[in-house]
């Protein structure tokens, strides 16, 4: 079964940027939809972004224009470029292909 390992999180000031990476243990099947979710303290996990099989990306309203989901050509790594970060983006971020989830990585936006 596929395994995902996230990296790239950390502490950043408001307005800053981070790029999350999600490395798969193998090639992700081309039929799988790729996505990112996040869970803030004392809140439920929420959907952030999805990249469909045809490459079309969709985002939750709160991150539109600031976050970009992508994958490498070999579909072994999923990325989430996060720009203009806000304190409310603070959360643990998870990547997924629908059946497999990463372990999560902390993103903290604070001055």
N, C-alpha and C. Protein backbone atom coordinates (compact mmCIF):
# COMPACT_ATOMS: atom_id res chain seq x y z
N UNK A 1 0.84 -1.18 0.00
CA UNK A 1 0.00 0.00 0.00
C UNK A 1 0.89 1.25 0.00
N UNK A 2 0.39 2.27 -0.71
CA UNK A 2 1.13 3.52 -0.80
C UNK A 2 1.31 4.15 0.57
N UNK A 3 2.46 4.78 0.78
CA UNK A 3 2.70 5.55 2.01
C UNK A 3 3.09 6.96 1.62
N UNK A 4 2.61 7.93 2.41
CA UNK A 4 2.93 9.32 2.16
C UNK A 4 3.70 9.91 3.32
N UNK A 5 4.70 10.73 3.03
CA UNK A 5 5.46 11.42 4.07
C UNK A 5 5.51 12.89 3.71
N UNK A 6 4.96 13.73 4.60
CA UNK A 6 4.95 15.17 4.35
C UNK A 6 6.21 15.83 4.89
N UNK A 7 6.58 16.95 4.29
CA UNK A 7 7.70 17.76 4.76
C UNK A 7 7.46 19.21 4.34
N UNK A 8 8.27 20.10 4.90
CA UNK A 8 8.20 21.50 4.49
C UNK A 8 7.42 22.41 5.42
N UNK A 9 6.87 21.86 6.47
CA UNK A 9 6.12 22.70 7.40
C UNK A 9 7.05 23.48 8.31
N UNK A 10 6.45 24.23 9.25
CA UNK A 10 7.24 24.98 10.20
C UNK A 10 6.57 26.25 10.63
N UNK A 11 7.36 27.16 11.17
CA UNK A 11 6.87 28.45 11.67
C UNK A 11 7.20 29.53 10.64
N UNK A 12 6.20 30.34 10.32
CA UNK A 12 6.40 31.42 9.36
C UNK A 12 5.61 32.64 9.83
N UNK A 13 6.09 33.81 9.48
CA UNK A 13 5.39 35.04 9.86
C UNK A 13 4.21 35.27 8.91
N UNK A 14 3.20 35.99 9.38
CA UNK A 14 2.08 36.34 8.49
C UNK A 14 2.60 37.02 7.22
N UNK A 15 2.02 36.64 6.10
CA UNK A 15 2.46 37.15 4.82
C UNK A 15 3.55 36.32 4.16
N UNK A 16 4.10 35.39 4.90
CA UNK A 16 5.16 34.56 4.38
C UNK A 16 4.66 33.38 3.55
N UNK A 17 5.60 32.54 3.12
CA UNK A 17 5.28 31.40 2.26
C UNK A 17 5.92 30.13 2.78
N UNK A 18 5.28 29.03 2.48
CA UNK A 18 5.83 27.69 2.73
C UNK A 18 5.43 26.80 1.57
N UNK A 19 6.24 25.80 1.32
CA UNK A 19 5.89 24.80 0.30
C UNK A 19 5.91 23.43 0.95
N UNK A 20 4.75 22.83 1.05
CA UNK A 20 4.64 21.49 1.60
C UNK A 20 4.87 20.46 0.50
N UNK A 21 5.56 19.39 0.86
CA UNK A 21 5.77 18.28 -0.05
C UNK A 21 5.21 17.02 0.57
N UNK A 22 4.72 16.14 -0.26
CA UNK A 22 4.16 14.86 0.19
C UNK A 22 4.75 13.79 -0.72
N UNK A 23 5.73 13.07 -0.20
CA UNK A 23 6.42 12.07 -1.00
C UNK A 23 5.75 10.71 -0.85
N UNK A 24 5.40 10.12 -1.98
CA UNK A 24 4.79 8.80 -1.97
C UNK A 24 5.87 7.72 -2.05
N UNK A 25 5.55 6.55 -1.55
CA UNK A 25 6.53 5.45 -1.57
C UNK A 25 6.65 4.85 -2.96
N UNK A 26 5.72 5.23 -3.85
CA UNK A 26 5.77 4.77 -5.23
C UNK A 26 5.03 5.76 -6.11
N UNK A 27 4.71 5.35 -7.31
CA UNK A 27 3.94 6.22 -8.20
C UNK A 27 2.46 6.14 -7.84
N UNK A 28 1.85 7.30 -7.71
CA UNK A 28 0.44 7.36 -7.40
C UNK A 28 -0.37 7.08 -8.66
N UNK A 29 -1.31 6.17 -8.57
CA UNK A 29 -2.13 5.81 -9.73
C UNK A 29 -2.74 7.06 -10.35
N UNK A 30 -2.71 7.12 -11.68
CA UNK A 30 -3.18 8.32 -12.38
C UNK A 30 -4.68 8.55 -12.22
N UNK A 31 -5.41 7.53 -11.78
CA UNK A 31 -6.85 7.70 -11.60
C UNK A 31 -7.21 8.29 -10.25
N UNK A 32 -6.21 8.42 -9.37
CA UNK A 32 -6.48 8.93 -8.02
C UNK A 32 -6.49 10.45 -8.00
N UNK A 33 -7.44 10.98 -7.26
CA UNK A 33 -7.50 12.41 -7.04
C UNK A 33 -6.57 12.75 -5.88
N UNK A 34 -5.80 13.81 -6.02
CA UNK A 34 -4.84 14.21 -5.00
C UNK A 34 -5.39 15.38 -4.19
N UNK A 35 -5.10 15.38 -2.91
CA UNK A 35 -5.66 16.45 -2.11
C UNK A 35 -4.86 16.79 -0.87
N UNK A 36 -5.20 17.92 -0.30
CA UNK A 36 -4.66 18.38 0.97
C UNK A 36 -5.83 18.76 1.89
N UNK A 37 -5.68 18.39 3.14
CA UNK A 37 -6.63 18.75 4.18
C UNK A 37 -5.83 19.37 5.33
N UNK A 38 -6.54 20.00 6.24
CA UNK A 38 -5.87 20.54 7.42
C UNK A 38 -6.79 20.46 8.63
N UNK A 39 -6.16 20.45 9.80
CA UNK A 39 -6.93 20.42 11.05
C UNK A 39 -6.30 21.39 12.02
N UNK A 40 -7.06 22.42 12.35
CA UNK A 40 -6.62 23.42 13.32
C UNK A 40 -6.94 22.93 14.73
N UNK A 41 -6.26 23.49 15.72
CA UNK A 41 -6.53 23.07 17.11
C UNK A 41 -8.01 23.18 17.47
N UNK A 42 -8.54 22.12 18.03
CA UNK A 42 -9.92 22.07 18.50
C UNK A 42 -10.95 22.26 17.38
N UNK A 43 -10.55 21.99 16.16
CA UNK A 43 -11.48 22.06 15.03
C UNK A 43 -11.45 20.75 14.26
N UNK A 44 -12.49 20.55 13.45
CA UNK A 44 -12.54 19.35 12.63
C UNK A 44 -11.61 19.49 11.43
N UNK A 45 -11.19 18.35 10.89
CA UNK A 45 -10.38 18.37 9.69
C UNK A 45 -11.19 18.97 8.56
N UNK A 46 -10.56 19.85 7.77
CA UNK A 46 -11.26 20.48 6.66
C UNK A 46 -10.48 20.30 5.36
N UNK A 47 -11.22 20.25 4.28
CA UNK A 47 -10.63 20.13 2.95
C UNK A 47 -9.99 21.45 2.56
N UNK A 48 -8.83 21.39 1.90
CA UNK A 48 -8.11 22.58 1.46
C UNK A 48 -8.05 22.67 -0.06
N UNK A 49 -7.61 21.59 -0.70
CA UNK A 49 -7.39 21.65 -2.15
C UNK A 49 -7.44 20.26 -2.73
N UNK A 50 -7.83 20.18 -4.00
CA UNK A 50 -7.87 18.92 -4.74
C UNK A 50 -7.33 19.14 -6.13
N UNK A 51 -6.58 18.17 -6.62
CA UNK A 51 -6.17 18.16 -8.02
C UNK A 51 -6.74 16.91 -8.67
N UNK A 52 -7.62 17.11 -9.65
CA UNK A 52 -8.27 15.99 -10.29
C UNK A 52 -7.36 15.30 -11.29
N UNK A 53 -7.82 14.17 -11.80
CA UNK A 53 -7.01 13.37 -12.71
C UNK A 53 -6.61 14.15 -13.96
N UNK A 54 -7.44 15.09 -14.37
CA UNK A 54 -7.16 15.88 -15.57
C UNK A 54 -6.30 17.11 -15.27
N UNK A 55 -5.86 17.23 -14.04
CA UNK A 55 -4.99 18.34 -13.66
C UNK A 55 -5.71 19.57 -13.15
N UNK A 56 -7.04 19.56 -13.22
CA UNK A 56 -7.81 20.71 -12.74
C UNK A 56 -7.74 20.76 -11.22
N UNK A 57 -7.46 21.95 -10.70
CA UNK A 57 -7.33 22.14 -9.25
C UNK A 57 -8.50 22.97 -8.73
N UNK A 58 -8.98 22.60 -7.57
CA UNK A 58 -10.03 23.35 -6.90
C UNK A 58 -9.61 23.59 -5.45
N UNK A 59 -10.11 24.68 -4.89
CA UNK A 59 -9.67 25.11 -3.57
C UNK A 59 -10.85 25.56 -2.71
N UNK A 60 -10.69 25.41 -1.42
CA UNK A 60 -11.67 25.99 -0.52
C UNK A 60 -11.54 27.51 -0.60
N UNK A 61 -12.63 28.21 -0.37
CA UNK A 61 -12.65 29.66 -0.59
C UNK A 61 -11.57 30.40 0.18
N UNK A 62 -11.29 29.96 1.39
CA UNK A 62 -10.37 30.71 2.25
C UNK A 62 -8.92 30.70 1.76
N UNK A 63 -8.58 29.80 0.83
CA UNK A 63 -7.20 29.74 0.35
C UNK A 63 -7.07 30.07 -1.13
N UNK A 64 -8.19 30.31 -1.81
CA UNK A 64 -8.15 30.63 -3.24
C UNK A 64 -7.26 31.83 -3.50
N UNK A 65 -6.41 31.70 -4.51
CA UNK A 65 -5.51 32.79 -4.87
C UNK A 65 -4.24 32.84 -4.03
N UNK A 66 -4.19 32.02 -2.98
CA UNK A 66 -2.99 32.01 -2.12
C UNK A 66 -2.28 30.66 -2.14
N UNK A 67 -3.01 29.58 -2.28
CA UNK A 67 -2.44 28.23 -2.26
C UNK A 67 -2.51 27.64 -3.67
N UNK A 68 -1.51 26.79 -3.96
CA UNK A 68 -1.50 26.08 -5.24
C UNK A 68 -1.11 24.64 -5.02
N UNK A 69 -1.96 23.73 -5.48
CA UNK A 69 -1.67 22.30 -5.40
C UNK A 69 -1.08 21.85 -6.73
N UNK A 70 -0.09 20.97 -6.65
CA UNK A 70 0.52 20.45 -7.87
C UNK A 70 1.13 19.09 -7.57
N UNK A 71 1.62 18.44 -8.62
CA UNK A 71 2.31 17.17 -8.46
C UNK A 71 3.42 17.11 -9.50
N UNK A 72 4.45 16.34 -9.22
CA UNK A 72 5.50 16.18 -10.22
C UNK A 72 5.01 15.30 -11.34
N UNK A 73 5.71 15.31 -12.47
CA UNK A 73 5.24 14.57 -13.65
C UNK A 73 5.14 13.08 -13.40
N UNK A 74 6.00 12.58 -12.54
CA UNK A 74 5.99 11.14 -12.26
C UNK A 74 4.91 10.76 -11.25
N UNK A 75 4.21 11.76 -10.71
CA UNK A 75 3.18 11.54 -9.69
C UNK A 75 3.72 10.75 -8.50
N UNK A 76 4.89 11.16 -8.05
CA UNK A 76 5.45 10.57 -6.84
C UNK A 76 5.44 11.55 -5.69
N UNK A 77 5.21 12.81 -5.97
CA UNK A 77 5.19 13.85 -4.93
C UNK A 77 4.07 14.84 -5.19
N UNK A 78 3.35 15.16 -4.13
CA UNK A 78 2.29 16.17 -4.18
C UNK A 78 2.81 17.40 -3.45
N UNK A 79 2.52 18.57 -4.01
CA UNK A 79 2.99 19.81 -3.40
C UNK A 79 1.80 20.70 -3.02
N UNK A 80 2.04 21.55 -2.05
CA UNK A 80 1.10 22.62 -1.72
C UNK A 80 1.92 23.87 -1.48
N UNK A 81 1.89 24.77 -2.45
CA UNK A 81 2.55 26.06 -2.30
C UNK A 81 1.60 27.00 -1.58
N UNK A 82 2.05 27.55 -0.46
CA UNK A 82 1.20 28.41 0.36
C UNK A 82 1.83 29.79 0.45
N UNK A 83 1.17 30.78 -0.10
CA UNK A 83 1.66 32.16 -0.09
C UNK A 83 0.70 33.04 0.72
N UNK A 84 1.18 34.21 1.07
CA UNK A 84 0.37 35.17 1.83
C UNK A 84 -0.30 34.50 3.03
N UNK A 85 0.48 33.76 3.77
CA UNK A 85 -0.07 32.99 4.88
C UNK A 85 -0.64 33.88 5.97
N UNK A 86 -1.69 33.39 6.60
CA UNK A 86 -2.39 34.11 7.65
C UNK A 86 -2.38 33.26 8.93
N UNK A 87 -2.53 33.90 10.08
CA UNK A 87 -2.56 33.12 11.33
C UNK A 87 -3.64 32.03 11.31
N UNK A 88 -4.74 32.28 10.63
CA UNK A 88 -5.81 31.28 10.58
C UNK A 88 -5.47 30.08 9.70
N UNK A 89 -4.34 30.12 9.01
CA UNK A 89 -3.88 28.95 8.25
C UNK A 89 -3.12 27.97 9.16
N UNK A 90 -2.90 28.36 10.39
CA UNK A 90 -2.20 27.48 11.33
C UNK A 90 -2.99 26.19 11.53
N UNK A 91 -2.34 25.07 11.28
CA UNK A 91 -3.00 23.77 11.36
C UNK A 91 -2.00 22.67 11.08
N UNK A 92 -2.44 21.45 11.29
CA UNK A 92 -1.69 20.29 10.80
C UNK A 92 -2.25 19.98 9.42
N UNK A 93 -1.35 19.86 8.45
CA UNK A 93 -1.74 19.63 7.06
C UNK A 93 -1.48 18.18 6.67
N UNK A 94 -2.45 17.61 5.96
CA UNK A 94 -2.38 16.21 5.54
C UNK A 94 -2.56 16.11 4.03
N UNK A 95 -1.75 15.27 3.40
CA UNK A 95 -1.95 14.98 1.99
C UNK A 95 -2.68 13.64 1.87
N UNK A 96 -3.34 13.46 0.75
CA UNK A 96 -4.09 12.23 0.55
C UNK A 96 -4.31 11.97 -0.93
N UNK A 97 -4.49 10.68 -1.25
CA UNK A 97 -4.92 10.32 -2.60
C UNK A 97 -6.31 9.68 -2.54
N UNK A 98 -6.94 9.84 -1.38
CA UNK A 98 -8.28 9.30 -1.20
C UNK A 98 -8.32 8.04 -0.37
N UNK A 99 -7.31 7.19 -0.51
CA UNK A 99 -7.28 5.96 0.29
C UNK A 99 -6.08 5.92 1.22
N UNK A 100 -5.11 6.74 0.97
CA UNK A 100 -3.92 6.81 1.81
C UNK A 100 -3.74 8.24 2.28
N UNK A 101 -3.33 8.38 3.55
CA UNK A 101 -3.11 9.70 4.14
C UNK A 101 -1.68 9.79 4.69
N UNK A 102 -1.13 11.00 4.61
CA UNK A 102 0.14 11.23 5.26
C UNK A 102 -0.06 11.35 6.76
N UNK A 103 1.05 11.45 7.47
CA UNK A 103 0.98 11.50 8.92
C UNK A 103 0.66 12.90 9.44
N UNK A 104 0.73 13.89 8.57
CA UNK A 104 0.45 15.26 8.94
C UNK A 104 1.71 16.04 9.26
N UNK A 105 1.67 17.34 8.99
CA UNK A 105 2.80 18.20 9.28
C UNK A 105 2.28 19.54 9.78
N UNK A 106 2.95 20.07 10.80
CA UNK A 106 2.51 21.29 11.45
C UNK A 106 2.92 22.52 10.64
N UNK A 107 1.97 23.43 10.46
CA UNK A 107 2.23 24.74 9.89
C UNK A 107 1.73 25.77 10.91
N UNK A 108 2.61 26.65 11.33
CA UNK A 108 2.25 27.68 12.30
C UNK A 108 2.56 29.04 11.70
N UNK A 109 1.55 29.90 11.66
CA UNK A 109 1.72 31.25 11.13
C UNK A 109 1.55 32.22 12.29
N UNK A 110 2.65 32.85 12.67
CA UNK A 110 2.62 33.72 13.84
C UNK A 110 3.78 34.70 13.79
N UNK A 111 3.54 35.87 14.34
CA UNK A 111 4.61 36.86 14.44
C UNK A 111 5.31 36.75 15.78
